[in-house]
Amino acid sequence: MSAAIAAPVDRLLYKPEEAAEALAIGRSTVYELMAEGALKYIKLGRTRRIRRTDLEVFVATLAPLPD
């Protein structure tokens, strides 16, 4: 009997911990970026969620350091 492997869900909203994993940075750094306004988020009740598009915009605005 073969087990079906489910494809990963293409999320629209991420928990800060999931966003940290997607960005390969620490959870506290994500919270700092949200507090600074560098990473946009939405509030759903008492929770915070980060839109996938806001993660993409954040990454696109990162500038490489000069050589």
PDB file of N, CA and C in Angstrom:
ATOM      1  N   MET A   1       0.841  -1.171   0.000  1.00  0.00           N
ATOM      2  CA  MET A   1       0.000   0.000   0.000  1.00  0.00           C
ATOM      3  C   MET A   1       0.891   1.241   0.000  1.00  0.00           C
ATOM      4  N   SER A   2       0.605   2.179  -0.888  1.00  0.00           N
ATOM      5  CA  SER A   2       1.424   3.387  -0.969  1.00  0.00           C
ATOM      6  C   SER A   2       0.754   4.533  -0.234  1.00  0.00           C
ATOM      7  N   ALA A   3       1.576   5.307   0.428  1.00  0.00           N
ATOM      8  CA  ALA A   3       1.060   6.458   1.169  1.00  0.00           C
ATOM      9  C   ALA A   3       1.142   7.689   0.285  1.00  0.00           C
ATOM     10  N   ALA A   4       0.057   8.422   0.218  1.00  0.00           N
ATOM     11  CA  ALA A   4       0.047   9.650  -0.572  1.00  0.00           C
ATOM     12  C   ALA A   4       0.751  10.749   0.212  1.00  0.00           C
ATOM     13  N   ILE A   5       1.604  11.467  -0.462  1.00  0.00           N
ATOM     14  CA  ILE A   5       2.318  12.576   0.171  1.00  0.00           C
ATOM     15  C   ILE A   5       1.623  13.864  -0.240  1.00  0.00           C
ATOM     16  N   ALA A   6       1.150  14.586   0.743  1.00  0.00           N
ATOM     17  CA  ALA A   6       0.444  15.835   0.464  1.00  0.00           C
ATOM     18  C   ALA A   6       1.441  16.936   0.136  1.00  0.00           C
ATOM     19  N   ALA A   7       1.084  17.741  -0.838  1.00  0.00           N
ATOM     20  CA  ALA A   7       1.922  18.886  -1.197  1.00  0.00           C
ATOM     21  C   ALA A   7       1.808  19.934  -0.093  1.00  0.00           C
ATOM     22  N   PRO A   8       2.878  20.676   0.168  1.00  0.00           N
ATOM     23  CA  PRO A   8       2.807  21.706   1.200  1.00  0.00           C
ATOM     24  C   PRO A   8       1.753  22.755   0.849  1.00  0.00           C
ATOM     25  N   VAL A   9       1.089  23.247   1.864  1.00  0.00           N
ATOM     26  CA  VAL A   9       0.060  24.258   1.667  1.00  0.00           C
ATOM     27  C   VAL A   9       0.723  25.595   1.375  1.00  0.00           C
ATOM     28  N   ASP A  10       0.250  26.258   0.353  1.00  0.00           N
ATOM     29  CA  ASP A  10       0.758  27.581   0.013  1.00  0.00           C
ATOM     30  C   ASP A  10       0.006  28.580   0.883  1.00  0.00           C
ATOM     31  N   ARG A  11       0.588  28.933   2.005  1.00  0.00           N
ATOM     32  CA  ARG A  11      -0.073  29.770   3.003  1.00  0.00           C
ATOM     33  C   ARG A  11      -0.229  31.209   2.524  1.00  0.00           C
ATOM     34  N   LEU A  12      -1.313  31.816   2.969  1.00  0.00           N
ATOM     35  CA  LEU A  12      -1.525  33.234   2.732  1.00  0.00           C
ATOM     36  C   LEU A  12      -1.120  34.053   3.949  1.00  0.00           C
ATOM     37  N   LEU A  13      -1.252  33.459   5.134  1.00  0.00           N
ATOM     38  CA  LEU A  13      -0.893  34.119   6.385  1.00  0.00           C
ATOM     39  C   LEU A  13       0.068  33.248   7.170  1.00  0.00           C
ATOM     40  N   TYR A  14       1.051  33.882   7.792  1.00  0.00           N
ATOM     41  CA  TYR A  14       2.052  33.171   8.584  1.00  0.00           C
ATOM     42  C   TYR A  14       2.038  33.670  10.018  1.00  0.00           C
ATOM     43  N   LYS A  15       2.231  32.760  10.956  1.00  0.00           N
ATOM     44  CA  LYS A  15       2.496  33.142  12.340  1.00  0.00           C
ATOM     45  C   LYS A  15       3.906  33.726  12.351  1.00  0.00           C
ATOM     46  N   PRO A  16       4.226  34.587  13.315  1.00  0.00           N
ATOM     47  CA  PRO A  16       5.595  35.130  13.371  1.00  0.00           C
ATOM     48  C   PRO A  16       6.665  34.034  13.395  1.00  0.00           C
ATOM     49  N   GLU A  17       6.394  32.938  14.088  1.00  0.00           N
ATOM     50  CA  GLU A  17       7.361  31.832  14.143  1.00  0.00           C
ATOM     51  C   GLU A  17       7.551  31.206  12.759  1.00  0.00           C
ATOM     52  N   GLU A  18       6.463  31.076  12.003  1.00  0.00           N
ATOM     53  CA  GLU A  18       6.543  30.504  10.652  1.00  0.00           C
ATOM     54  C   GLU A  18       7.246  31.467   9.704  1.00  0.00           C
ATOM     55  N   ALA A  19       6.992  32.763   9.877  1.00  0.00           N
ATOM     56  CA  ALA A  19       7.673  33.768   9.056  1.00  0.00           C
ATOM     57  C   ALA A  19       9.169  33.744   9.327  1.00  0.00           C
ATOM     58  N   ALA A  20       9.540  33.595  10.598  1.00  0.00           N
ATOM     59  CA  ALA A  20      10.954  33.517  10.955  1.00  0.00           C
ATOM     60  C   ALA A  20      11.614  32.340  10.266  1.00  0.00           C
ATOM     61  N   GLU A  21      10.928  31.207  10.248  1.00  0.00           N
ATOM     62  CA  GLU A  21      11.478  30.023   9.593  1.00  0.00           C
ATOM     63  C   GLU A  21      11.599  30.248   8.092  1.00  0.00           C
ATOM     64  N   ALA A  22      10.588  30.865   7.484  1.00  0.00           N
ATOM     65  CA  ALA A  22      10.619  31.123   6.041  1.00  0.00           C
ATOM     66  C   ALA A  22      11.748  32.083   5.674  1.00  0.00           C
ATOM     67  N   LEU A  23      12.036  33.051   6.557  1.00  0.00           N
ATOM     68  CA  LEU A  23      13.083  34.035   6.298  1.00  0.00           C
ATOM     69  C   LEU A  23      14.458  33.589   6.782  1.00  0.00           C
ATOM     70  N   ALA A  24      14.504  32.475   7.507  1.00  0.00           N
ATOM     71  CA  ALA A  24      15.755  31.950   8.083  1.00  0.00           C
ATOM     72  C   ALA A  24      16.371  32.957   9.050  1.00  0.00           C
ATOM     73  N   ILE A  25      15.499  33.557   9.885  1.00  0.00           N
ATOM     74  CA  ILE A  25      15.953  34.462  10.938  1.00  0.00           C
ATOM     75  C   ILE A  25      15.276  34.052  12.243  1.00  0.00           C
ATOM     76  N   GLY A  26      15.651  34.659  13.336  1.00  0.00           N
ATOM     77  CA  GLY A  26      15.085  34.314  14.629  1.00  0.00           C
ATOM     78  C   GLY A  26      13.698  34.911  14.839  1.00  0.00           C
ATOM     79  N   ARG A  27      12.938  34.260  15.699  1.00  0.00           N
ATOM     80  CA  ARG A  27      11.582  34.711  16.014  1.00  0.00           C
ATOM     81  C   ARG A  27      11.598  36.107  16.615  1.00  0.00           C
ATOM     82  N   SER A  28      12.541  36.368  17.524  1.00  0.00           N
ATOM     83  CA  SER A  28      12.598  37.693  18.152  1.00  0.00           C
ATOM     84  C   SER A  28      12.932  38.778  17.123  1.00  0.00           C
ATOM     85  N   THR A  29      13.709  38.441  16.113  1.00  0.00           N
ATOM     86  CA  THR A  29      14.020  39.401  15.049  1.00  0.00           C
ATOM     87  C   THR A  29      12.758  39.758  14.276  1.00  0.00           C
ATOM     88  N   VAL A  30      11.902  38.786  14.038  1.00  0.00           N
ATOM     89  CA  VAL A  30      10.633  39.054  13.345  1.00  0.00           C
ATOM     90  C   VAL A  30       9.795  40.019  14.177  1.00  0.00           C
ATOM     91  N   TYR A  31       9.710  39.780  15.480  1.00  0.00           N
ATOM     92  CA  TYR A  31       8.950  40.677  16.346  1.00  0.00           C
ATOM     93  C   TYR A  31       9.551  42.084  16.353  1.00  0.00           C
ATOM     94  N   GLU A  32      10.875  42.189  16.335  1.00  0.00           N
ATOM     95  CA  GLU A  32      11.537  43.494  16.282  1.00  0.00           C
ATOM     96  C   GLU A  32      11.214  44.208  14.974  1.00  0.00           C
ATOM     97  N   LEU A  33      11.260  43.480  13.871  1.00  0.00           N
ATOM     98  CA  LEU A  33      10.947  44.069  12.571  1.00  0.00           C
ATOM     99  C   LEU A  33       9.500  44.547  12.516  1.00  0.00           C
ATOM    100  N   MET A  34       8.589  43.787  13.130  1.00  0.00           N
ATOM    101  CA  MET A  34       7.187  44.203  13.168  1.00  0.00           C
ATOM    102  C   MET A  34       7.038  45.467  14.023  1.00  0.00           C
ATOM    103  N   ALA A  35       7.729  45.528  15.161  1.00  0.00           N
ATOM    104  CA  ALA A  35       7.646  46.690  16.050  1.00  0.00           C
ATOM    105  C   ALA A  35       8.200  47.948  15.380  1.00  0.00           C
ATOM    106  N   GLU A  36       9.256  47.785  14.581  1.00  0.00           N
ATOM    107  CA  GLU A  36       9.874  48.910  13.870  1.00  0.00           C
ATOM    108  C   GLU A  36       9.040  49.371  12.682  1.00  0.00           C
ATOM    109  N   GLY A  37       8.117  48.522  12.227  1.00  0.00           N
ATOM    110  CA  GLY A  37       7.330  48.836  11.042  1.00  0.00           C
ATOM    111  C   GLY A  37       7.984  48.377   9.759  1.00  0.00           C
ATOM    112  N   ALA A  38       9.108  47.685   9.871  1.00  0.00           N
ATOM    113  CA  ALA A  38       9.812  47.190   8.689  1.00  0.00           C
ATOM    114  C   ALA A  38       9.106  45.987   8.070  1.00  0.00           C
ATOM    115  N   LEU A  39       8.356  45.254   8.877  1.00  0.00           N
ATOM    116  CA  LEU A  39       7.619  44.086   8.414  1.00  0.00           C
ATOM    117  C   LEU A  39       6.162  44.276   8.813  1.00  0.00           C
ATOM    118  N   LYS A  40       5.304  44.440   7.820  1.00  0.00           N
ATOM    119  CA  LYS A  40       3.892  44.681   8.090  1.00  0.00           C
ATOM    120  C   LYS A  40       3.223  43.409   8.589  1.00  0.00           C
ATOM    121  N   TYR A  41       2.182  43.589   9.391  1.00  0.00           N
ATOM    122  CA  TYR A  41       1.412  42.460   9.903  1.00  0.00           C
ATOM    123  C   TYR A  41      -0.027  42.900  10.126  1.00  0.00           C
ATOM    124  N   ILE A  42      -0.885  41.929  10.329  1.00  0.00           N
ATOM    125  CA  ILE A  42      -2.281  42.204  10.655  1.00  0.00           C
ATOM    126  C   ILE A  42      -2.587  41.562  11.990  1.00  0.00           C
ATOM    127  N   LYS A  43      -3.596  42.085  12.665  1.00  0.00           N
ATOM    128  CA  LYS A  43      -4.032  41.494  13.932  1.00  0.00           C
ATOM    129  C   LYS A  43      -5.379  40.829  13.711  1.00  0.00           C
ATOM    130  N   LEU A  44      -5.465  39.593  14.141  1.00  0.00           N
ATOM    131  CA  LEU A  44      -6.709  38.839  14.128  1.00  0.00           C
ATOM    132  C   LEU A  44      -7.014  38.514  15.579  1.00  0.00           C
ATOM    133  N   GLY A  45      -7.897  39.281  16.169  1.00  0.00           N
ATOM    134  CA  GLY A  45      -8.136  39.108  17.594  1.00  0.00           C
ATOM    135  C   GLY A  45      -6.882  39.501  18.349  1.00  0.00           C
ATOM    136  N   ARG A  46      -6.350  38.565  19.128  1.00  0.00           N
ATOM    137  CA  ARG A  46      -5.132  38.827  19.898  1.00  0.00           C
ATOM    138  C   ARG A  46      -3.878  38.285  19.218  1.00  0.00           C
ATOM    139  N   THR A  47      -4.029  37.738  18.024  1.00  0.00           N
ATOM    140  CA  THR A  47      -2.878  37.152  17.330  1.00  0.00           C
ATOM    141  C   THR A  47      -2.400  38.059  16.205  1.00  0.00           C
ATOM    142  N   ARG A  48      -1.157  37.882  15.827  1.00  0.00           N
ATOM    143  CA  ARG A  48      -0.570  38.611  14.702  1.00  0.00           C
ATOM    144  C   ARG A  48      -0.283  37.620  13.587  1.00  0.00           C
ATOM    145  N   ARG A  49      -0.556  38.050  12.384  1.00  0.00           N
ATOM    146  CA  ARG A  49      -0.266  37.233  11.214  1.00  0.00           C
ATOM    147  C   ARG A  49       0.408  38.127  10.173  1.00  0.00           C
ATOM    148  N   ILE A  50       1.284  37.514   9.397  1.00  0.00           N
ATOM    149  CA  ILE A  50       2.024  38.235   8.365  1.00  0.00           C
ATOM    150  C   ILE A  50       1.601  37.671   7.016  1.00  0.00           C
ATOM    151  N   ARG A  51       1.173  38.557   6.144  1.00  0.00           N
ATOM    152  CA  ARG A  51       0.766  38.124   4.805  1.00  0.00           C
ATOM    153  C   ARG A  51       1.985  37.657   4.014  1.00  0.00           C
ATOM    154  N   ARG A  52       1.766  36.676   3.171  1.00  0.00           N
ATOM    155  CA  ARG A  52       2.843  36.192   2.306  1.00  0.00           C
ATOM    156  C   ARG A  52       3.371  37.330   1.447  1.00  0.00           C
ATOM    157  N   THR A  53       2.465  38.172   0.929  1.00  0.00           N
ATOM    158  CA  THR A  53       2.904  39.283   0.081  1.00  0.00           C
ATOM    159  C   THR A  53       3.765  40.274   0.854  1.00  0.00           C
ATOM    160  N   ASP A  54       3.466  40.480   2.147  1.00  0.00           N
ATOM    161  CA  ASP A  54       4.292  41.381   2.958  1.00  0.00           C
ATOM    162  C   ASP A  54       5.677  40.793   3.207  1.00  0.00           C
ATOM    163  N   LEU A  55       5.757  39.480   3.332  1.00  0.00           N
ATOM    164  CA  LEU A  55       7.082  38.835   3.438  1.00  0.00           C
ATOM    165  C   LEU A  55       7.872  39.041   2.150  1.00  0.00           C
ATOM    166  N   GLU A  56       7.203  38.875   1.018  1.00  0.00           N
ATOM    167  CA  GLU A  56       7.879  39.043  -0.270  1.00  0.00           C
ATOM    168  C   GLU A  56       8.350  40.476  -0.475  1.00  0.00           C
ATOM    169  N   VAL A  57       7.512  41.449  -0.078  1.00  0.00           N
ATOM    170  CA  VAL A  57       7.892  42.865  -0.196  1.00  0.00           C
ATOM    171  C   VAL A  57       9.085  43.158   0.700  1.00  0.00           C
ATOM    172  N   PHE A  58       9.065  42.633   1.921  1.00  0.00           N
ATOM    173  CA  PHE A  58      10.178  42.847   2.844  1.00  0.00           C
ATOM    174  C   PHE A  58      11.485  42.332   2.247  1.00  0.00           C
ATOM    175  N   VAL A  59      11.462  41.127   1.710  1.00  0.00           N
ATOM    176  CA  VAL A  59      12.669  40.552   1.123  1.00  0.00           C
ATOM    177  C   VAL A  59      13.121  41.354  -0.099  1.00  0.00           C
ATOM    178  N   ALA A  60      12.168  41.801  -0.906  1.00  0.00           N
ATOM    179  CA  ALA A  60      12.509  42.569  -2.111  1.00  0.00           C
ATOM    180  C   ALA A  60      13.152  43.910  -1.767  1.00  0.00           C
ATOM    181  N   THR A  61      12.831  44.455  -0.594  1.00  0.00           N
ATOM    182  CA  THR A  61      13.396  45.769  -0.238  1.00  0.00           C
ATOM    183  C   THR A  61      14.743  45.664   0.452  1.00  0.00           C
ATOM    184  N   LEU A  62      15.184  44.462   0.775  1.00  0.00           N
ATOM    185  CA  LEU A  62      16.493  44.294   1.407  1.00  0.00           C
ATOM    186  C   LEU A  62      17.589  44.641   0.397  1.00  0.00           C
ATOM    187  N   ALA A  63      18.504  45.481   0.815  1.00  0.00           N
ATOM    188  CA  ALA A  63      19.585  45.901  -0.076  1.00  0.00           C
ATOM    189  C   ALA A  63      20.856  45.152   0.313  1.00  0.00           C
ATOM    190  N   PRO A  64      21.577  44.653  -0.684  1.00  0.00           N
ATOM    191  CA  PRO A  64      22.844  43.988  -0.365  1.00  0.00           C
ATOM    192  C   PRO A  64      23.867  45.007   0.140  1.00  0.00           C
ATOM    193  N   LEU A  65      24.765  44.549   0.980  1.00  0.00           N
ATOM    194  CA  LEU A  65      25.821  45.414   1.466  1.00  0.00           C
ATOM    195  C   LEU A  65      26.818  45.688   0.347  1.00  0.00           C
ATOM    196  N   PRO A  66      27.355  46.910   0.294  1.00  0.00           N
ATOM    197  CA  PRO A  66      28.339  47.200  -0.751  1.00  0.00           C
ATOM    198  C   PRO A  66      29.624  46.391  -0.516  1.00  0.00           C
ATOM    199  N   ASP A  67      30.281  46.083  -1.611  1.00  0.00           N
ATOM    200  CA  ASP A  67      31.530  45.303  -1.523  1.00  0.00           C
ATOM    201  C   ASP A  67      32.651  46.087  -0.948  1.00  0.00           C
TER     202      ASP A  67
END
